[in-house]
């Protein structure tokens, strides 16, 4: 079973609920809802780190105004969970 995406900050064990993207040519850091897929040049953040992020001097931060919520489980997650439960329930 796939584990939920975790915060990209070193040592943070919390589940990611937001995605940070740097727009270098506009000197802007954008913090929005968690992207559907992990991308190589973005960072997944937990709610605490998404809300407390600061940008380098001279940069702007554009932050999602609504609530950050964990993504709903996908069908793949539900199938994997069902298979894990069936496996655990099998007699030895």
PDB file of N, CA and C in Angstrom:
ATOM      1  N   UNK A   1       0.847  -1.176   0.000  1.00  0.00           N
ATOM      2  CA  UNK A   1       0.000   0.000   0.000  1.00  0.00           C
ATOM      3  C   UNK A   1       0.888   1.234   0.000  1.00  0.00           C
ATOM      4  N   UNK A   2       0.504   2.230  -0.792  1.00  0.00           N
ATOM      5  CA  UNK A   2       1.253   3.470  -0.821  1.00  0.00           C
ATOM      6  C   UNK A   2       1.005   4.250   0.461  1.00  0.00           C
ATOM      7  N   UNK A   3       2.052   4.843   0.974  1.00  0.00           N
ATOM      8  CA  UNK A   3       1.867   5.669   2.153  1.00  0.00           C
ATOM      9  C   UNK A   3       1.529   7.081   1.688  1.00  0.00           C
ATOM     10  N   UNK A   4       0.823   7.853   2.538  1.00  0.00           N
ATOM     11  CA  UNK A   4       0.505   9.222   2.137  1.00  0.00           C
ATOM     12  C   UNK A   4       1.780  10.030   1.979  1.00  0.00           C
ATOM     13  N   UNK A   5       1.731  11.040   1.141  1.00  0.00           N
ATOM     14  CA  UNK A   5       2.897  11.887   0.953  1.00  0.00           C
ATOM     15  C   UNK A   5       3.177  12.638   2.248  1.00  0.00           C
ATOM     16  N   UNK A   6       4.437  12.758   2.563  1.00  0.00           N
ATOM     17  CA  UNK A   6       4.882  13.408   3.795  1.00  0.00           C
ATOM     18  C   UNK A   6       5.442  14.787   3.485  1.00  0.00           C
ATOM     19  N   UNK A   7       5.496  15.608   4.516  1.00  0.00           N
ATOM     20  CA  UNK A   7       6.067  16.945   4.412  1.00  0.00           C
ATOM     21  C   UNK A   7       7.528  16.843   3.965  1.00  0.00           C
ATOM     22  N   UNK A   8       7.921  17.735   3.071  1.00  0.00           N
ATOM     23  CA  UNK A   8       9.292  17.731   2.534  1.00  0.00           C
ATOM     24  C   UNK A   8      10.326  18.315   3.491  1.00  0.00           C
ATOM     25  N   UNK A   9       9.885  18.982   4.541  1.00  0.00           N
ATOM     26  CA  UNK A   9      10.830  19.574   5.488  1.00  0.00           C
ATOM     27  C   UNK A   9      11.566  18.468   6.239  1.00  0.00           C
ATOM     28  N   UNK A  10      12.874  18.635   6.373  1.00  0.00           N
ATOM     29  CA  UNK A  10      13.690  17.628   7.053  1.00  0.00           C
ATOM     30  C   UNK A  10      13.170  17.351   8.455  1.00  0.00           C
ATOM     31  N   UNK A  11      12.995  16.065   8.758  1.00  0.00           N
ATOM     32  CA  UNK A  11      12.593  15.651  10.090  1.00  0.00           C
ATOM     33  C   UNK A  11      11.118  15.786  10.397  1.00  0.00           C
ATOM     34  N   UNK A  12      10.321  16.279   9.468  1.00  0.00           N
ATOM     35  CA  UNK A  12       8.891  16.455   9.738  1.00  0.00           C
ATOM     36  C   UNK A  12       8.141  15.192   9.308  1.00  0.00           C
ATOM     37  N   UNK A  13       7.475  14.519  10.237  1.00  0.00           N
ATOM     38  CA  UNK A  13       6.785  13.272   9.909  1.00  0.00           C
ATOM     39  C   UNK A  13       5.332  13.463   9.474  1.00  0.00           C
ATOM     40  N   UNK A  14       4.843  14.719   9.454  1.00  0.00           N
ATOM     41  CA  UNK A  14       3.416  14.946   9.196  1.00  0.00           C
ATOM     42  C   UNK A  14       3.050  14.755   7.730  1.00  0.00           C
ATOM     43  N   UNK A  15       1.771  14.476   7.515  1.00  0.00           N
ATOM     44  CA  UNK A  15       1.234  14.271   6.168  1.00  0.00           C
ATOM     45  C   UNK A  15       1.180  15.601   5.426  1.00  0.00           C
ATOM     46  N   UNK A  16       1.525  15.573   4.153  1.00  0.00           N
ATOM     47  CA  UNK A  16       1.489  16.777   3.322  1.00  0.00           C
ATOM     48  C   UNK A  16       0.046  17.133   2.968  1.00  0.00           C
ATOM     49  N   UNK A  17      -0.251  18.437   3.019  1.00  0.00           N
ATOM     50  CA  UNK A  17      -1.575  18.929   2.652  1.00  0.00           C
ATOM     51  C   UNK A  17      -1.482  20.118   1.689  1.00  0.00           C
ATOM     52  N   UNK A  18      -0.261  20.540   1.372  1.00  0.00           N
ATOM     53  CA  UNK A  18      -0.060  21.698   0.500  1.00  0.00           C
ATOM     54  C   UNK A  18       1.161  21.456  -0.383  1.00  0.00           C
ATOM     55  N   UNK A  19       1.222  22.204  -1.481  1.00  0.00           N
ATOM     56  CA  UNK A  19       2.370  22.120  -2.383  1.00  0.00           C
ATOM     57  C   UNK A  19       2.975  23.504  -2.546  1.00  0.00           C
ATOM     58  N   UNK A  20       4.282  23.578  -2.396  1.00  0.00           N
ATOM     59  CA  UNK A  20       5.039  24.815  -2.570  1.00  0.00           C
ATOM     60  C   UNK A  20       5.712  24.779  -3.937  1.00  0.00           C
ATOM     61  N   UNK A  21       5.527  25.866  -4.684  1.00  0.00           N
ATOM     62  CA  UNK A  21       6.164  26.003  -5.991  1.00  0.00           C
ATOM     63  C   UNK A  21       6.849  27.356  -6.039  1.00  0.00           C
ATOM     64  N   UNK A  22       8.086  27.382  -6.478  1.00  0.00           N
ATOM     65  CA  UNK A  22       8.797  28.637  -6.650  1.00  0.00           C
ATOM     66  C   UNK A  22       8.662  29.075  -8.104  1.00  0.00           C
ATOM     67  N   UNK A  23       8.268  30.337  -8.310  1.00  0.00           N
ATOM     68  CA  UNK A  23       8.211  30.934  -9.644  1.00  0.00           C
ATOM     69  C   UNK A  23       9.395  31.901  -9.697  1.00  0.00           C
ATOM     70  N   UNK A  24      10.516  31.386 -10.172  1.00  0.00           N
ATOM     71  CA  UNK A  24      11.774  32.120 -10.087  1.00  0.00           C
ATOM     72  C   UNK A  24      11.761  33.427 -10.866  1.00  0.00           C
ATOM     73  N   UNK A  25      11.174  33.426 -12.066  1.00  0.00           N
ATOM     74  CA  UNK A  25      11.223  34.644 -12.877  1.00  0.00           C
ATOM     75  C   UNK A  25      10.339  35.753 -12.313  1.00  0.00           C
ATOM     76  N   UNK A  26       9.457  35.439 -11.356  1.00  0.00           N
ATOM     77  CA  UNK A  26       8.626  36.450 -10.701  1.00  0.00           C
ATOM     78  C   UNK A  26       8.996  36.615  -9.219  1.00  0.00           C
ATOM     79  N   UNK A  27      10.038  35.939  -8.773  1.00  0.00           N
ATOM     80  CA  UNK A  27      10.470  35.984  -7.365  1.00  0.00           C
ATOM     81  C   UNK A  27       9.287  35.767  -6.421  1.00  0.00           C
ATOM     82  N   UNK A  28       8.561  34.679  -6.672  1.00  0.00           N
ATOM     83  CA  UNK A  28       7.350  34.384  -5.910  1.00  0.00           C
ATOM     84  C   UNK A  28       7.345  32.929  -5.476  1.00  0.00           C
ATOM     85  N   UNK A  29       6.921  32.705  -4.229  1.00  0.00           N
ATOM     86  CA  UNK A  29       6.692  31.358  -3.714  1.00  0.00           C
ATOM     87  C   UNK A  29       5.185  31.182  -3.611  1.00  0.00           C
ATOM     88  N   UNK A  30       4.653  30.119  -4.218  1.00  0.00           N
ATOM     89  CA  UNK A  30       3.219  29.879  -4.231  1.00  0.00           C
ATOM     90  C   UNK A  30       2.934  28.643  -3.389  1.00  0.00           C
ATOM     91  N   UNK A  31       2.070  28.794  -2.367  1.00  0.00           N
ATOM     92  CA  UNK A  31       1.659  27.687  -1.506  1.00  0.00           C
ATOM     93  C   UNK A  31       0.177  27.457  -1.757  1.00  0.00           C
ATOM     94  N   UNK A  32      -0.127  26.301  -2.340  1.00  0.00           N
ATOM     95  CA  UNK A  32      -1.512  25.986  -2.659  1.00  0.00           C
ATOM     96  C   UNK A  32      -1.887  24.609  -2.170  1.00  0.00           C
ATOM     97  N   UNK A  33      -3.106  24.176  -2.481  1.00  0.00           N
ATOM     98  CA  UNK A  33      -3.533  22.832  -2.087  1.00  0.00           C
ATOM     99  C   UNK A  33      -2.582  21.770  -2.647  1.00  0.00           C
ATOM    100  N   UNK A  34      -2.563  20.628  -2.029  1.00  0.00           N
ATOM    101  CA  UNK A  34      -1.670  19.553  -2.442  1.00  0.00           C
ATOM    102  C   UNK A  34      -1.920  19.175  -3.897  1.00  0.00           C
ATOM    103  N   UNK A  35      -0.864  19.162  -4.679  1.00  0.00           N
ATOM    104  CA  UNK A  35      -0.970  18.785  -6.087  1.00  0.00           C
ATOM    105  C   UNK A  35      -1.332  17.306  -6.200  1.00  0.00           C
ATOM    106  N   UNK A  36      -1.996  16.954  -7.286  1.00  0.00           N
ATOM    107  CA  UNK A  36      -2.423  15.571  -7.483  1.00  0.00           C
ATOM    108  C   UNK A  36      -1.232  14.613  -7.554  1.00  0.00           C
ATOM    109  N   UNK A  37      -0.132  15.073  -8.113  1.00  0.00           N
ATOM    110  CA  UNK A  37       1.058  14.238  -8.249  1.00  0.00           C
ATOM    111  C   UNK A  37       2.273  15.003  -7.758  1.00  0.00           C
ATOM    112  N   UNK A  38       3.218  14.294  -7.167  1.00  0.00           N
ATOM    113  CA  UNK A  38       4.473  14.915  -6.748  1.00  0.00           C
ATOM    114  C   UNK A  38       5.277  15.267  -7.990  1.00  0.00           C
ATOM    115  N   UNK A  39       5.748  16.479  -8.075  1.00  0.00           N
ATOM    116  CA  UNK A  39       6.547  16.951  -9.197  1.00  0.00           C
ATOM    117  C   UNK A  39       7.975  17.188  -8.722  1.00  0.00           C
ATOM    118  N   UNK A  40       8.956  17.055  -9.615  1.00  0.00           N
ATOM    119  CA  UNK A  40      10.354  17.185  -9.199  1.00  0.00           C
ATOM    120  C   UNK A  40      10.732  18.554  -8.632  1.00  0.00           C
ATOM    121  N   UNK A  41      10.103  19.642  -9.088  1.00  0.00           N
ATOM    122  CA  UNK A  41      10.523  20.974  -8.655  1.00  0.00           C
ATOM    123  C   UNK A  41       9.501  21.642  -7.734  1.00  0.00           C
ATOM    124  N   UNK A  42       8.729  20.823  -7.026  1.00  0.00           N
ATOM    125  CA  UNK A  42       7.793  21.337  -6.031  1.00  0.00           C
ATOM    126  C   UNK A  42       8.073  20.640  -4.709  1.00  0.00           C
ATOM    127  N   UNK A  43       7.505  21.181  -3.654  1.00  0.00           N
ATOM    128  CA  UNK A  43       7.731  20.629  -2.324  1.00  0.00           C
ATOM    129  C   UNK A  43       6.390  20.436  -1.626  1.00  0.00           C
ATOM    130  N   UNK A  44       6.180  19.276  -1.066  1.00  0.00           N
ATOM    131  CA  UNK A  44       4.966  18.995  -0.311  1.00  0.00           C
ATOM    132  C   UNK A  44       5.175  19.459   1.126  1.00  0.00           C
ATOM    133  N   UNK A  45       4.165  20.127   1.684  1.00  0.00           N
ATOM    134  CA  UNK A  45       4.280  20.668   3.042  1.00  0.00           C
ATOM    135  C   UNK A  45       3.082  20.258   3.893  1.00  0.00           C
ATOM    136  N   UNK A  46       3.325  20.073   5.185  1.00  0.00           N
ATOM    137  CA  UNK A  46       2.232  19.866   6.140  1.00  0.00           C
ATOM    138  C   UNK A  46       1.582  21.231   6.390  1.00  0.00           C
ATOM    139  N   UNK A  47       0.471  21.231   7.092  1.00  0.00           N
ATOM    140  CA  UNK A  47      -0.239  22.498   7.315  1.00  0.00           C
ATOM    141  C   UNK A  47       0.609  23.502   8.090  1.00  0.00           C
ATOM    142  N   UNK A  48       1.303  23.042   9.129  1.00  0.00           N
ATOM    143  CA  UNK A  48       2.121  23.961   9.931  1.00  0.00           C
ATOM    144  C   UNK A  48       3.175  24.650   9.072  1.00  0.00           C
ATOM    145  N   UNK A  49       3.882  23.885   8.256  1.00  0.00           N
ATOM    146  CA  UNK A  49       4.931  24.479   7.433  1.00  0.00           C
ATOM    147  C   UNK A  49       4.350  25.303   6.278  1.00  0.00           C
ATOM    148  N   UNK A  50       3.191  24.923   5.763  1.00  0.00           N
ATOM    149  CA  UNK A  50       2.548  25.701   4.699  1.00  0.00           C
ATOM    150  C   UNK A  50       2.125  27.078   5.212  1.00  0.00           C
ATOM    151  N   UNK A  51       1.643  27.130   6.439  1.00  0.00           N
ATOM    152  CA  UNK A  51       1.165  28.400   7.008  1.00  0.00           C
ATOM    153  C   UNK A  51       2.319  29.294   7.495  1.00  0.00           C
ATOM    154  N   UNK A  52       3.438  28.689   7.886  1.00  0.00           N
ATOM    155  CA  UNK A  52       4.521  29.484   8.466  1.00  0.00           C
ATOM    156  C   UNK A  52       5.655  29.783   7.480  1.00  0.00           C
ATOM    157  N   UNK A  53       5.523  29.337   6.238  1.00  0.00           N
ATOM    158  CA  UNK A  53       6.582  29.537   5.249  1.00  0.00           C
ATOM    159  C   UNK A  53       6.887  31.017   5.034  1.00  0.00           C
ATOM    160  N   UNK A  54       8.141  31.345   4.999  1.00  0.00           N
ATOM    161  CA  UNK A  54       8.583  32.690   4.619  1.00  0.00           C
ATOM    162  C   UNK A  54       9.468  32.551   3.388  1.00  0.00           C
ATOM    163  N   UNK A  55       9.484  33.585   2.575  1.00  0.00           N
ATOM    164  CA  UNK A  55      10.274  33.560   1.339  1.00  0.00           C
ATOM    165  C   UNK A  55      11.549  34.378   1.527  1.00  0.00           C
ATOM    166  N   UNK A  56      12.502  34.175   0.644  1.00  0.00           N
ATOM    167  CA  UNK A  56      13.729  34.979   0.719  1.00  0.00           C
ATOM    168  C   UNK A  56      13.411  36.478   0.595  1.00  0.00           C
ATOM    169  N   UNK A  57      14.291  37.290   1.117  1.00  0.00           N
ATOM    170  CA  UNK A  57      14.117  38.750   1.040  1.00  0.00           C
ATOM    171  C   UNK A  57      13.937  39.161  -0.419  1.00  0.00           C
ATOM    172  N   UNK A  58      12.934  40.007  -0.642  1.00  0.00           N
ATOM    173  CA  UNK A  58      12.656  40.482  -1.996  1.00  0.00           C
ATOM    174  C   UNK A  58      11.662  39.611  -2.759  1.00  0.00           C
ATOM    175  N   UNK A  59      11.288  38.487  -2.174  1.00  0.00           N
ATOM    176  CA  UNK A  59      10.323  37.588  -2.810  1.00  0.00           C
ATOM    177  C   UNK A  59       8.951  37.801  -2.182  1.00  0.00           C
ATOM    178  N   UNK A  60       7.911  37.442  -2.940  1.00  0.00           N
ATOM    179  CA  UNK A  60       6.540  37.472  -2.441  1.00  0.00           C
ATOM    180  C   UNK A  60       6.086  36.048  -2.170  1.00  0.00           C
ATOM    181  N   UNK A  61       5.138  35.911  -1.229  1.00  0.00           N
ATOM    182  CA  UNK A  61       4.511  34.615  -0.967  1.00  0.00           C
ATOM    183  C   UNK A  61       3.035  34.748  -1.311  1.00  0.00           C
ATOM    184  N   UNK A  62       2.561  33.875  -2.171  1.00  0.00           N
ATOM    185  CA  UNK A  62       1.138  33.789  -2.490  1.00  0.00           C
ATOM    186  C   UNK A  62       0.665  32.513  -1.822  1.00  0.00           C
ATOM    187  N   UNK A  63      -0.287  32.666  -0.897  1.00  0.00           N
ATOM    188  CA  UNK A  63      -0.722  31.532  -0.093  1.00  0.00           C
ATOM    189  C   UNK A  63      -2.211  31.290  -0.293  1.00  0.00           C
ATOM    190  N   UNK A  64      -2.586  30.031  -0.392  1.00  0.00           N
ATOM    191  CA  UNK A  64      -3.988  29.617  -0.471  1.00  0.00           C
ATOM    192  C   UNK A  64      -4.722  30.136   0.758  1.00  0.00           C
ATOM    193  N   UNK A  65      -5.868  30.767   0.564  1.00  0.00           N
ATOM    194  CA  UNK A  65      -6.610  31.375   1.673  1.00  0.00           C
ATOM    195  C   UNK A  65      -7.489  30.380   2.422  1.00  0.00           C
ATOM    196  N   UNK A  66      -7.893  29.304   1.771  1.00  0.00           N
ATOM    197  CA  UNK A  66      -8.802  28.352   2.401  1.00  0.00           C
ATOM    198  C   UNK A  66      -8.092  27.381   3.324  1.00  0.00           C
ATOM    199  N   UNK A  67      -8.826  26.359   3.729  1.00  0.00           N
ATOM    200  CA  UNK A  67      -8.276  25.318   4.594  1.00  0.00           C
ATOM    201  C   UNK A  67      -7.423  24.353   3.773  1.00  0.00           C
ATOM    202  N   UNK A  68      -6.373  23.869   4.366  1.00  0.00           N
ATOM    203  CA  UNK A  68      -5.569  22.812   3.751  1.00  0.00           C
ATOM    204  C   UNK A  68      -6.094  21.496   4.291  1.00  0.00           C
ATOM    205  N   UNK A  69      -6.545  20.634   3.413  1.00  0.00           N
ATOM    206  CA  UNK A  69      -7.095  19.353   3.835  1.00  0.00           C
ATOM    207  C   UNK A  69      -6.338  18.226   3.166  1.00  0.00           C
ATOM    208  N   UNK A  70      -6.186  17.095   3.867  1.00  0.00           N
ATOM    209  CA  UNK A  70      -5.529  15.958   3.226  1.00  0.00           C
ATOM    210  C   UNK A  70      -6.359  15.488   2.038  1.00  0.00           C
ATOM    211  N   UNK A  71      -5.694  14.994   1.016  1.00  0.00           N
ATOM    212  CA  UNK A  71      -6.431  14.538  -0.157  1.00  0.00           C
ATOM    213  C   UNK A  71      -7.279  13.316   0.189  1.00  0.00           C
ATOM    214  N   UNK A  72      -8.411  13.153  -0.491  1.00  0.00           N
ATOM    215  CA  UNK A  72      -9.215  11.955  -0.247  1.00  0.00           C
ATOM    216  C   UNK A  72      -8.474  10.727  -0.761  1.00  0.00           C
ATOM    217  N   UNK A  73      -8.739   9.566  -0.193  1.00  0.00           N
ATOM    218  CA  UNK A  73      -8.065   8.371  -0.693  1.00  0.00           C
ATOM    219  C   UNK A  73      -8.489   8.082  -2.134  1.00  0.00           C
ATOM    220  N   UNK A  74      -7.551   7.618  -2.917  1.00  0.00           N
ATOM    221  CA  UNK A  74      -7.871   7.252  -4.290  1.00  0.00           C
ATOM    222  C   UNK A  74      -8.369   5.820  -4.316  1.00  0.00           C
ATOM    223  N   UNK A  75      -8.922   5.427  -5.431  1.00  0.00           N
ATOM    224  CA  UNK A  75      -9.392   4.047  -5.577  1.00  0.00           C
ATOM    225  C   UNK A  75      -8.244   3.078  -5.336  1.00  0.00           C
ATOM    226  N   UNK A  76      -7.053   3.420  -5.821  1.00  0.00           N
ATOM    227  CA  UNK A  76      -5.891   2.553  -5.624  1.00  0.00           C
ATOM    228  C   UNK A  76      -5.608   2.369  -4.140  1.00  0.00           C
ATOM    229  N   UNK A  77      -5.725   3.452  -3.367  1.00  0.00           N
ATOM    230  CA  UNK A  77      -5.490   3.366  -1.926  1.00  0.00           C
ATOM    231  C   UNK A  77      -6.515   2.449  -1.272  1.00  0.00           C
ATOM    232  N   UNK A  78      -7.769   2.570  -1.686  1.00  0.00           N
ATOM    233  CA  UNK A  78      -8.824   1.749  -1.095  1.00  0.00           C
ATOM    234  C   UNK A  78      -8.649   0.281  -1.446  1.00  0.00           C
ATOM    235  N   UNK A  79      -8.270   0.003  -2.686  1.00  0.00           N
ATOM    236  CA  UNK A  79      -8.033  -1.383  -3.104  1.00  0.00           C
ATOM    237  C   UNK A  79      -6.856  -1.963  -2.324  1.00  0.00           C
ATOM    238  N   UNK A  80      -5.782  -1.195  -2.187  1.00  0.00           N
ATOM    239  CA  UNK A  80      -4.613  -1.670  -1.442  1.00  0.00           C
ATOM    240  C   UNK A  80      -4.968  -1.924   0.016  1.00  0.00           C
ATOM    241  N   UNK A  81      -5.778  -1.065   0.608  1.00  0.00           N
ATOM    242  CA  UNK A  81      -6.195  -1.256   1.992  1.00  0.00           C
ATOM    243  C   UNK A  81      -7.037  -2.526   2.129  1.00  0.00           C
ATOM    244  N   UNK A  82      -7.964  -2.738   1.208  1.00  0.00           N
ATOM    245  CA  UNK A  82      -8.802  -3.938   1.249  1.00  0.00           C
ATOM    246  C   UNK A  82      -7.948  -5.200   1.118  1.00  0.00           C
ATOM    247  N   UNK A  83      -6.963  -5.169   0.231  1.00  0.00           N
ATOM    248  CA  UNK A  83      -6.087  -6.328   0.059  1.00  0.00           C
ATOM    249  C   UNK A  83      -5.260  -6.582   1.318  1.00  0.00           C
ATOM    250  N   UNK A  84      -4.796  -5.520   1.962  1.00  0.00           N
ATOM    251  CA  UNK A  84      -4.021  -5.679   3.193  1.00  0.00           C
ATOM    252  C   UNK A  84      -4.869  -6.282   4.306  1.00  0.00           C
ATOM    253  N   UNK A  85      -6.129  -5.869   4.393  1.00  0.00           N
ATOM    254  CA  UNK A  85      -7.029  -6.417   5.412  1.00  0.00           C
ATOM    255  C   UNK A  85      -7.303  -7.889   5.124  1.00  0.00           C
ATOM    256  N   UNK A  86      -7.554  -8.226   3.859  1.00  0.00           N
ATOM    257  CA  UNK A  86      -7.787  -9.639   3.503  1.00  0.00           C
ATOM    258  C   UNK A  86      -6.565 -10.478   3.832  1.00  0.00           C
ATOM    259  N   UNK A  87      -5.386  -9.986   3.526  1.00  0.00           N
ATOM    260  CA  UNK A  87      -4.148 -10.716   3.797  1.00  0.00           C
ATOM    261  C   UNK A  87      -3.958 -10.951   5.280  1.00  0.00           C
ATOM    262  N   UNK A  88      -4.251  -9.933   6.085  1.00  0.00           N
ATOM    263  CA  UNK A  88      -4.089 -10.051   7.532  1.00  0.00           C
ATOM    264  C   UNK A  88      -5.108 -11.019   8.135  1.00  0.00           C
ATOM    265  N   UNK A  89      -6.269 -11.151   7.486  1.00  0.00           N
ATOM    266  CA  UNK A  89      -7.335 -12.016   8.027  1.00  0.00           C
ATOM    267  C   UNK A  89      -7.175 -13.476   7.621  1.00  0.00           C
ATOM    268  N   UNK A  90      -6.270 -13.767   6.691  1.00  0.00           N
ATOM    269  CA  UNK A  90      -6.077 -15.165   6.272  1.00  0.00           C
ATOM    270  C   UNK A  90      -5.537 -15.998   7.397  1.00  0.00           C
ATOM    271  N   UNK A  91      -6.051 -17.225   7.544  1.00  0.00           N
ATOM    272  CA  UNK A  91      -5.504 -18.111   8.574  1.00  0.00           C
ATOM    273  C   UNK A  91      -4.049 -18.481   8.246  1.00  0.00           C
ATOM    274  N   UNK A  92      -3.280 -18.659   9.265  1.00  0.00           N
ATOM    275  CA  UNK A  92      -1.841 -18.967   9.082  1.00  0.00           C
ATOM    276  C   UNK A  92      -1.621 -20.368   8.563  1.00  0.00           C
TER     277      UNK A  92
END
